[in-house]
């Protein structure tokens, strides 16, 4: 039975091909749903996920809420440095970790979850807030509020400055992401942060401006020491991003 017709203008599905495509998509959807149900019926055990504070505040709760039927108790541990997360994985203090793992060497199972752009976050009374987007040239002389070294956001921001042959000028170094947003809200500084922080902007006096020549994205991956545990976590909570 022929499922498609090839011609000079391309390939066109026959009626049989269209039926096969539709039914195939339905079958794949059923297989994924069955896989999730089978995983969720495995012996329940407590699981712990390690990540940055921003991920724990703005991303993980939504993922856990979207899979209420998982029948798992999930704890979340926050860290400030790459190596804290890796040490906790190695010592089995956590079962999985969420971070951009491209800047550190490890041998663990890893699965990319999503990518996000960076923005310049400013108080809406700041002169630059009038712009719809910015270039590094627009704020290169202005000190910024940053997260601590050895976290993915700080690493990527420093790489972006280096790419533009600029030296980063730091006004404040703050461990907690929400505190940075507080500084900006009080008009005590500006900061370069990933897109996920925009979830904080509802009813806020903070504006997030696209940085046209910021060429790096943050790529958040799920990392696990045990590949089977990593795949289970991915199937239960991260197969689709909310």
C-alpha atoms as a PDB file:
ATOM      1  CA  UNK A   1       0.000   0.000   0.000  1.00  0.00           C
ATOM      2  CA  UNK A   2       1.370   3.410  -0.983  1.00  0.00           C
ATOM      3  CA  UNK A   3       1.449   5.999   1.812  1.00  0.00           C
ATOM      4  CA  UNK A   4       2.870   8.949  -0.109  1.00  0.00           C
ATOM      5  CA  UNK A   5       3.307  10.261  -3.634  1.00  0.00           C
ATOM      6  CA  UNK A   6       6.597  11.824  -4.710  1.00  0.00           C
ATOM      7  CA  UNK A   7       6.495  14.496  -7.403  1.00  0.00           C
ATOM      8  CA  UNK A   8       8.605  17.345  -8.749  1.00  0.00           C
ATOM      9  CA  UNK A   9       7.010  19.681  -6.195  1.00  0.00           C
ATOM     10  CA  UNK A  10       7.674  17.460  -3.186  1.00  0.00           C
ATOM     11  CA  UNK A  11       6.033  14.621  -1.261  1.00  0.00           C
ATOM     12  CA  UNK A  12       2.299  14.366  -0.602  1.00  0.00           C
ATOM     13  CA  UNK A  13       0.556  11.892   1.678  1.00  0.00           C
ATOM     14  CA  UNK A  14      -2.094   9.619   0.234  1.00  0.00           C
ATOM     15  CA  UNK A  15      -5.353   9.059   2.112  1.00  0.00           C
ATOM     16  CA  UNK A  16      -3.816   5.938   3.627  1.00  0.00           C
ATOM     17  CA  UNK A  17      -0.732   7.925   4.614  1.00  0.00           C
ATOM     18  CA  UNK A  18      -2.818  10.583   6.360  1.00  0.00           C
ATOM     19  CA  UNK A  19      -4.654   7.902   8.342  1.00  0.00           C
ATOM     20  CA  UNK A  20      -1.342   6.267   9.296  1.00  0.00           C
ATOM     21  CA  UNK A  21       0.093   9.619  10.447  1.00  0.00           C
ATOM     22  CA  UNK A  22      -2.947  10.460  12.579  1.00  0.00           C
ATOM     23  CA  UNK A  23      -3.134   7.013  14.137  1.00  0.00           C
ATOM     24  CA  UNK A  24       0.630   6.944  14.702  1.00  0.00           C
ATOM     25  CA  UNK A  25       0.509  10.203  16.659  1.00  0.00           C
ATOM     26  CA  UNK A  26      -2.334   8.818  18.755  1.00  0.00           C
ATOM     27  CA  UNK A  27      -0.386   5.618  19.460  1.00  0.00           C
ATOM     28  CA  UNK A  28       2.729   7.563  20.502  1.00  0.00           C
ATOM     29  CA  UNK A  29       0.655   9.711  22.849  1.00  0.00           C
ATOM     30  CA  UNK A  30      -0.840   6.580  24.423  1.00  0.00           C
ATOM     31  CA  UNK A  31       2.604   5.002  24.817  1.00  0.00           C
ATOM     32  CA  UNK A  32       3.936   8.099  26.609  1.00  0.00           C
ATOM     33  CA  UNK A  33       0.907   8.187  28.916  1.00  0.00           C
ATOM     34  CA  UNK A  34       1.299   4.468  29.691  1.00  0.00           C
ATOM     35  CA  UNK A  35       5.010   4.917  30.386  1.00  0.00           C
ATOM     36  CA  UNK A  36       4.241   7.676  32.877  1.00  0.00           C
ATOM     37  CA  UNK A  37       1.605   5.551  34.634  1.00  0.00           C
ATOM     38  CA  UNK A  38       3.966   2.572  34.885  1.00  0.00           C
ATOM     39  CA  UNK A  39       6.722   4.711  36.382  1.00  0.00           C
ATOM     40  CA  UNK A  40       4.328   6.268  38.891  1.00  0.00           C
ATOM     41  CA  UNK A  41       3.246   2.816  40.132  1.00  0.00           C
ATOM     42  CA  UNK A  42       6.788   1.757  40.982  1.00  0.00           C
ATOM     43  CA  UNK A  43       7.597   1.486  44.665  1.00  0.00           C
ATOM     44  CA  UNK A  44       7.187   4.959  46.115  1.00  0.00           C
ATOM     45  CA  UNK A  45      10.191   6.539  47.789  1.00  0.00           C
ATOM     46  CA  UNK A  46      11.233   9.993  48.856  1.00  0.00           C
ATOM     47  CA  UNK A  47      13.261  11.892  46.283  1.00  0.00           C
ATOM     48  CA  UNK A  48      15.377  15.021  46.610  1.00  0.00           C
ATOM     49  CA  UNK A  49      16.194  17.473  43.844  1.00  0.00           C
ATOM     50  CA  UNK A  50      18.979  20.026  44.164  1.00  0.00           C
ATOM     51  CA  UNK A  51      19.033  23.291  42.256  1.00  0.00           C
ATOM     52  CA  UNK A  52      19.462  27.055  42.425  1.00  0.00           C
ATOM     53  CA  UNK A  53      17.106  29.153  44.520  1.00  0.00           C
ATOM     54  CA  UNK A  54      15.571  30.763  41.432  1.00  0.00           C
ATOM     55  CA  UNK A  55      14.706  27.359  39.969  1.00  0.00           C
ATOM     56  CA  UNK A  56      13.247  26.242  43.293  1.00  0.00           C
ATOM     57  CA  UNK A  57      11.075  29.361  43.408  1.00  0.00           C
ATOM     58  CA  UNK A  58      10.010  29.909  39.809  1.00  0.00           C
ATOM     59  CA  UNK A  59      10.198  26.552  38.007  1.00  0.00           C
ATOM     60  CA  UNK A  60      10.146  23.409  40.138  1.00  0.00           C
ATOM     61  CA  UNK A  61       6.851  24.063  41.973  1.00  0.00           C
ATOM     62  CA  UNK A  62       4.997  24.306  38.667  1.00  0.00           C
ATOM     63  CA  UNK A  63       6.555  21.077  37.400  1.00  0.00           C
ATOM     64  CA  UNK A  64       5.647  19.215  40.583  1.00  0.00           C
ATOM     65  CA  UNK A  65       2.108  20.608  40.562  1.00  0.00           C
ATOM     66  CA  UNK A  66       1.583  19.414  36.993  1.00  0.00           C
ATOM     67  CA  UNK A  67       2.252  15.819  38.068  1.00  0.00           C
ATOM     68  CA  UNK A  68       0.191  15.458  41.233  1.00  0.00           C
ATOM     69  CA  UNK A  69      -0.472  11.801  40.485  1.00  0.00           C
ATOM     70  CA  UNK A  70       3.233  10.913  40.782  1.00  0.00           C
ATOM     71  CA  UNK A  71       2.785   9.441  44.290  1.00  0.00           C
ATOM     72  CA  UNK A  72       6.230  10.690  45.298  1.00  0.00           C
ATOM     73  CA  UNK A  73       7.355  12.911  48.148  1.00  0.00           C
ATOM     74  CA  UNK A  74       9.813  15.436  46.711  1.00  0.00           C
ATOM     75  CA  UNK A  75      12.229  17.516  48.767  1.00  0.00           C
ATOM     76  CA  UNK A  76      14.178  20.418  47.288  1.00  0.00           C
ATOM     77  CA  UNK A  77      17.658  21.497  48.370  1.00  0.00           C
ATOM     78  CA  UNK A  78      19.062  24.803  47.122  1.00  0.00           C
ATOM     79  CA  UNK A  79      22.728  25.542  46.503  1.00  0.00           C
ATOM     80  CA  UNK A  80      24.835  28.490  45.406  1.00  0.00           C
ATOM     81  CA  UNK A  81      27.700  26.716  43.615  1.00  0.00           C
ATOM     82  CA  UNK A  82      28.123  24.080  40.905  1.00  0.00           C
ATOM     83  CA  UNK A  83      30.323  21.938  43.085  1.00  0.00           C
ATOM     84  CA  UNK A  84      27.838  21.848  45.952  1.00  0.00           C
ATOM     85  CA  UNK A  85      25.357  20.211  43.586  1.00  0.00           C
ATOM     86  CA  UNK A  86      27.938  17.769  42.220  1.00  0.00           C
ATOM     87  CA  UNK A  87      29.134  16.802  45.708  1.00  0.00           C
ATOM     88  CA  UNK A  88      25.550  16.232  46.834  1.00  0.00           C
ATOM     89  CA  UNK A  89      24.946  14.009  43.812  1.00  0.00           C
ATOM     90  CA  UNK A  90      28.122  12.038  44.478  1.00  0.00           C
ATOM     91  CA  UNK A  91      27.276  11.537  48.168  1.00  0.00           C
ATOM     92  CA  UNK A  92      23.645  10.614  47.347  1.00  0.00           C
ATOM     93  CA  UNK A  93      22.268  13.562  49.308  1.00  0.00           C
ATOM     94  CA  UNK A  94      20.198  14.430  46.247  1.00  0.00           C
ATOM     95  CA  UNK A  95      18.785  12.217  43.498  1.00  0.00           C
ATOM     96  CA  UNK A  96      18.869  14.784  40.728  1.00  0.00           C
ATOM     97  CA  UNK A  97      20.002  18.344  40.097  1.00  0.00           C
ATOM     98  CA  UNK A  98      18.817  21.137  37.822  1.00  0.00           C
ATOM     99  CA  UNK A  99      21.472  23.485  36.457  1.00  0.00           C
ATOM    100  CA  UNK A 100      23.408  24.417  33.328  1.00  0.00           C
ATOM    101  CA  UNK A 101      26.091  21.730  33.416  1.00  0.00           C
ATOM    102  CA  UNK A 102      28.072  22.782  30.340  1.00  0.00           C
ATOM    103  CA  UNK A 103      30.670  24.690  32.364  1.00  0.00           C
ATOM    104  CA  UNK A 104      31.658  21.814  34.673  1.00  0.00           C
ATOM    105  CA  UNK A 105      33.087  18.399  33.933  1.00  0.00           C
ATOM    106  CA  UNK A 106      31.178  15.389  35.210  1.00  0.00           C
ATOM    107  CA  UNK A 107      30.295  11.850  34.157  1.00  0.00           C
ATOM    108  CA  UNK A 108      26.662  11.801  35.266  1.00  0.00           C
ATOM    109  CA  UNK A 109      23.536  11.216  33.193  1.00  0.00           C
ATOM    110  CA  UNK A 110      22.224  14.536  31.847  1.00  0.00           C
ATOM    111  CA  UNK A 111      19.094  15.583  29.950  1.00  0.00           C
ATOM    112  CA  UNK A 112      18.485  19.074  28.555  1.00  0.00           C
ATOM    113  CA  UNK A 113      15.169  20.526  29.769  1.00  0.00           C
ATOM    114  CA  UNK A 114      15.016  24.035  28.328  1.00  0.00           C
ATOM    115  CA  UNK A 115      16.966  27.067  27.159  1.00  0.00           C
ATOM    116  CA  UNK A 116      16.351  30.674  28.139  1.00  0.00           C
ATOM    117  CA  UNK A 117      17.556  34.145  27.183  1.00  0.00           C
ATOM    118  CA  UNK A 118      19.061  36.767  29.461  1.00  0.00           C
ATOM    119  CA  UNK A 119      17.543  40.195  30.143  1.00  0.00           C
ATOM    120  CA  UNK A 120      18.621  43.415  31.791  1.00  0.00           C
ATOM    121  CA  UNK A 121      16.409  43.947  34.848  1.00  0.00           C
ATOM    122  CA  UNK A 122      15.990  47.578  35.891  1.00  0.00           C
ATOM    123  CA  UNK A 123      13.708  49.675  38.057  1.00  0.00           C
ATOM    124  CA  UNK A 124      11.024  51.348  35.947  1.00  0.00           C
ATOM    125  CA  UNK A 125      12.346  54.736  37.142  1.00  0.00           C
ATOM    126  CA  UNK A 126      15.844  54.024  35.830  1.00  0.00           C
ATOM    127  CA  UNK A 127      16.679  56.152  32.738  1.00  0.00           C
ATOM    128  CA  UNK A 128      17.368  53.067  30.622  1.00  0.00           C
ATOM    129  CA  UNK A 129      13.881  51.693  31.360  1.00  0.00           C
ATOM    130  CA  UNK A 130      12.495  53.891  28.570  1.00  0.00           C
ATOM    131  CA  UNK A 131      14.135  51.616  25.999  1.00  0.00           C
ATOM    132  CA  UNK A 132      12.437  48.562  24.504  1.00  0.00           C
ATOM    133  CA  UNK A 133      15.761  46.707  24.217  1.00  0.00           C
ATOM    134  CA  UNK A 134      19.394  47.442  25.010  1.00  0.00           C
ATOM    135  CA  UNK A 135      22.949  46.793  23.870  1.00  0.00           C
ATOM    136  CA  UNK A 136      25.961  46.263  26.136  1.00  0.00           C
ATOM    137  CA  UNK A 137      27.068  49.719  25.037  1.00  0.00           C
ATOM    138  CA  UNK A 138      24.021  51.191  26.791  1.00  0.00           C
ATOM    139  CA  UNK A 139      25.026  50.024  30.279  1.00  0.00           C
ATOM    140  CA  UNK A 140      28.696  48.985  30.043  1.00  0.00           C
ATOM    141  CA  UNK A 141      29.837  51.620  32.558  1.00  0.00           C
ATOM    142  CA  UNK A 142      27.141  50.847  35.111  1.00  0.00           C
ATOM    143  CA  UNK A 143      27.845  48.463  38.021  1.00  0.00           C
ATOM    144  CA  UNK A 144      25.489  45.510  38.250  1.00  0.00           C
ATOM    145  CA  UNK A 145      24.160  43.331  41.051  1.00  0.00           C
ATOM    146  CA  UNK A 146      25.332  39.733  40.626  1.00  0.00           C
ATOM    147  CA  UNK A 147      24.921  36.251  42.035  1.00  0.00           C
ATOM    148  CA  UNK A 148      27.969  34.511  43.589  1.00  0.00           C
ATOM    149  CA  UNK A 149      30.737  32.950  41.478  1.00  0.00           C
ATOM    150  CA  UNK A 150      30.488  29.307  40.389  1.00  0.00           C
ATOM    151  CA  UNK A 151      26.800  29.388  39.555  1.00  0.00           C
ATOM    152  CA  UNK A 152      25.604  29.170  35.958  1.00  0.00           C
ATOM    153  CA  UNK A 153      24.079  32.669  35.791  1.00  0.00           C
ATOM    154  CA  UNK A 154      27.244  34.390  37.043  1.00  0.00           C
ATOM    155  CA  UNK A 155      29.433  32.280  34.744  1.00  0.00           C
ATOM    156  CA  UNK A 156      27.421  33.134  31.628  1.00  0.00           C
ATOM    157  CA  UNK A 157      27.208  36.842  32.491  1.00  0.00           C
ATOM    158  CA  UNK A 158      30.990  36.976  32.919  1.00  0.00           C
ATOM    159  CA  UNK A 159      31.458  35.171  29.580  1.00  0.00           C
ATOM    160  CA  UNK A 160      29.214  37.724  27.877  1.00  0.00           C
ATOM    161  CA  UNK A 161      31.229  40.643  29.253  1.00  0.00           C
ATOM    162  CA  UNK A 162      34.460  38.948  28.197  1.00  0.00           C
ATOM    163  CA  UNK A 163      33.080  38.408  24.698  1.00  0.00           C
ATOM    164  CA  UNK A 164      32.588  42.180  24.422  1.00  0.00           C
ATOM    165  CA  UNK A 165      36.061  42.849  25.859  1.00  0.00           C
ATOM    166  CA  UNK A 166      34.487  44.520  28.868  1.00  0.00           C
ATOM    167  CA  UNK A 167      35.337  44.195  32.532  1.00  0.00           C
ATOM    168  CA  UNK A 168      32.311  43.502  34.676  1.00  0.00           C
ATOM    169  CA  UNK A 169      31.715  46.176  37.320  1.00  0.00           C
ATOM    170  CA  UNK A 170      29.967  44.788  40.403  1.00  0.00           C
ATOM    171  CA  UNK A 171      27.937  46.940  42.754  1.00  0.00           C
ATOM    172  CA  UNK A 172      26.733  44.115  45.012  1.00  0.00           C
ATOM    173  CA  UNK A 173      27.156  40.342  45.180  1.00  0.00           C
ATOM    174  CA  UNK A 174      24.087  38.662  46.645  1.00  0.00           C
ATOM    175  CA  UNK A 175      23.504  34.969  47.304  1.00  0.00           C
ATOM    176  CA  UNK A 176      19.740  34.966  46.992  1.00  0.00           C
ATOM    177  CA  UNK A 177      18.058  35.687  43.686  1.00  0.00           C
ATOM    178  CA  UNK A 178      14.941  37.187  45.251  1.00  0.00           C
ATOM    179  CA  UNK A 179      17.139  39.634  47.157  1.00  0.00           C
ATOM    180  CA  UNK A 180      18.548  40.876  43.863  1.00  0.00           C
ATOM    181  CA  UNK A 181      15.012  41.572  42.709  1.00  0.00           C
ATOM    182  CA  UNK A 182      14.466  43.498  45.944  1.00  0.00           C
ATOM    183  CA  UNK A 183      17.516  45.658  45.243  1.00  0.00           C
ATOM    184  CA  UNK A 184      16.221  46.415  41.748  1.00  0.00           C
ATOM    185  CA  UNK A 185      12.721  47.139  43.037  1.00  0.00           C
ATOM    186  CA  UNK A 186      14.223  49.656  45.481  1.00  0.00           C
ATOM    187  CA  UNK A 187      16.199  51.185  42.582  1.00  0.00           C
ATOM    188  CA  UNK A 188      19.496  50.214  44.212  1.00  0.00           C
ATOM    189  CA  UNK A 189      20.955  48.565  41.133  1.00  0.00           C
ATOM    190  CA  UNK A 190      20.446  46.728  37.854  1.00  0.00           C
ATOM    191  CA  UNK A 191      21.160  43.105  37.015  1.00  0.00           C
ATOM    192  CA  UNK A 192      21.476  40.655  34.116  1.00  0.00           C
ATOM    193  CA  UNK A 193      19.340  37.601  34.813  1.00  0.00           C
ATOM    194  CA  UNK A 194      17.730  34.761  32.837  1.00  0.00           C
ATOM    195  CA  UNK A 195      14.172  34.777  31.575  1.00  0.00           C
ATOM    196  CA  UNK A 196      12.783  32.724  34.458  1.00  0.00           C
ATOM    197  CA  UNK A 197      13.075  35.796  36.712  1.00  0.00           C
ATOM    198  CA  UNK A 198      10.351  37.447  34.646  1.00  0.00           C
ATOM    199  CA  UNK A 199       7.851  35.350  36.617  1.00  0.00           C
ATOM    200  CA  UNK A 200       8.620  37.738  39.476  1.00  0.00           C
ATOM    201  CA  UNK A 201       7.463  40.789  37.537  1.00  0.00           C
ATOM    202  CA  UNK A 202       3.705  40.581  38.057  1.00  0.00           C
ATOM    203  CA  UNK A 203       2.543  43.816  39.715  1.00  0.00           C
ATOM    204  CA  UNK A 204       6.176  44.874  39.950  1.00  0.00           C
ATOM    205  CA  UNK A 205       8.052  48.113  39.320  1.00  0.00           C
ATOM    206  CA  UNK A 206      10.805  46.164  37.566  1.00  0.00           C
ATOM    207  CA  UNK A 207      11.245  46.069  33.803  1.00  0.00           C
ATOM    208  CA  UNK A 208      13.079  43.328  31.875  1.00  0.00           C
ATOM    209  CA  UNK A 209      14.804  44.547  28.710  1.00  0.00           C
ATOM    210  CA  UNK A 210      16.075  42.185  25.987  1.00  0.00           C
ATOM    211  CA  UNK A 211      19.846  42.496  25.491  1.00  0.00           C
ATOM    212  CA  UNK A 212      20.255  42.375  21.722  1.00  0.00           C
ATOM    213  CA  UNK A 213      23.937  41.441  21.713  1.00  0.00           C
ATOM    214  CA  UNK A 214      23.908  38.969  24.616  1.00  0.00           C
ATOM    215  CA  UNK A 215      24.736  35.834  22.631  1.00  0.00           C
ATOM    216  CA  UNK A 216      24.539  33.202  25.355  1.00  0.00           C
ATOM    217  CA  UNK A 217      21.548  31.250  26.616  1.00  0.00           C
ATOM    218  CA  UNK A 218      21.213  29.365  29.864  1.00  0.00           C
ATOM    219  CA  UNK A 219      20.547  25.677  29.202  1.00  0.00           C
ATOM    220  CA  UNK A 220      19.011  23.940  32.197  1.00  0.00           C
ATOM    221  CA  UNK A 221      19.551  20.184  32.370  1.00  0.00           C
ATOM    222  CA  UNK A 222      18.424  17.462  34.722  1.00  0.00           C
ATOM    223  CA  UNK A 223      21.554  15.726  36.045  1.00  0.00           C
ATOM    224  CA  UNK A 224      21.506  12.442  37.966  1.00  0.00           C
ATOM    225  CA  UNK A 225      24.138  10.045  39.276  1.00  0.00           C
ATOM    226  CA  UNK A 226      21.854   7.084  38.615  1.00  0.00           C
ATOM    227  CA  UNK A 227      20.581   7.133  35.004  1.00  0.00           C
ATOM    228  CA  UNK A 228      17.462   5.137  35.912  1.00  0.00           C
ATOM    229  CA  UNK A 229      16.528   7.660  38.604  1.00  0.00           C
ATOM    230  CA  UNK A 230      17.220  10.508  36.199  1.00  0.00           C
ATOM    231  CA  UNK A 231      14.976   8.998  33.545  1.00  0.00           C
ATOM    232  CA  UNK A 232      12.244   8.405  36.123  1.00  0.00           C
ATOM    233  CA  UNK A 233      12.404  12.033  37.304  1.00  0.00           C
ATOM    234  CA  UNK A 234      12.320  13.239  33.720  1.00  0.00           C
ATOM    235  CA  UNK A 235       9.319  11.087  32.836  1.00  0.00           C
ATOM    236  CA  UNK A 236       7.359  12.124  35.919  1.00  0.00           C
ATOM    237  CA  UNK A 237       8.038  15.840  36.057  1.00  0.00           C
ATOM    238  CA  UNK A 238       9.913  17.281  33.103  1.00  0.00           C
ATOM    239  CA  UNK A 239       8.745  15.688  29.863  1.00  0.00           C
ATOM    240  CA  UNK A 240       6.888  18.880  28.986  1.00  0.00           C
ATOM    241  CA  UNK A 241       7.787  22.319  30.308  1.00  0.00           C
ATOM    242  CA  UNK A 242       5.011  24.301  31.976  1.00  0.00           C
END
